[in-house]
């Protein structure tokens, strides 16, 4: 029951569609109908033409994962670590499949980053450094996100001596998060193959195709 309560709290926190709400507030439009159709930080920055807006959404989405997981670590003992992982994983699911947007949402990168930052800070910081390096080099947020998430599995294995023993829950979370991020980026992979994926820094992007309004 405590684990279930942690998961429910994490899901509700993660389900808050911050990018959607910000664009609706500032521009009065549905971000899912613009750019890539994603409600995350990169598309918000392109649609609003503001890097600061993108950073604000990234930090908010990151907080949706960090705060539930961190709160469980602070408030509970014994099962606190398992509860924190449950809360963080549920927050990622809530972000990707928010009930407030017909169970569609973002791609889970920022929320997963926040959740893992609470339970595996060293591994997550290393993965964030990978994201920055790839983003600066290639200027594709999607490629940076997928590369960093894939590397996170390796970093967790490096910093946690026994991923299949005491840290098996954490290792499983890292693997599941990586698989989910790749799945949520399948439309980006298609655009990369077609040469139509927008680079970071572009203000405008093609209108989201039908069926991809919140992928």
Foldseek 3Di string as FASTA:
>chain_A
DLLVVLLVLLLVLLQPLVLQVVCCVPPVDGLLFFFQLASALQSSCQQVVHNVSSVVRLVSNLCSQQVSLLVLCVPDPDCSLVSLLSSLLSSLQSQQQPVVVVGHHHLRQSSNLNSCCNNPVVLSVVLVVQLVVCCVVPQANLVSSLVSLVCSLVSVCVVDPCCVPPVVSVSVSSVVSNVSNCVRCPVVVVCVVVVQRDGGPHNHHDTHDPPRNHD
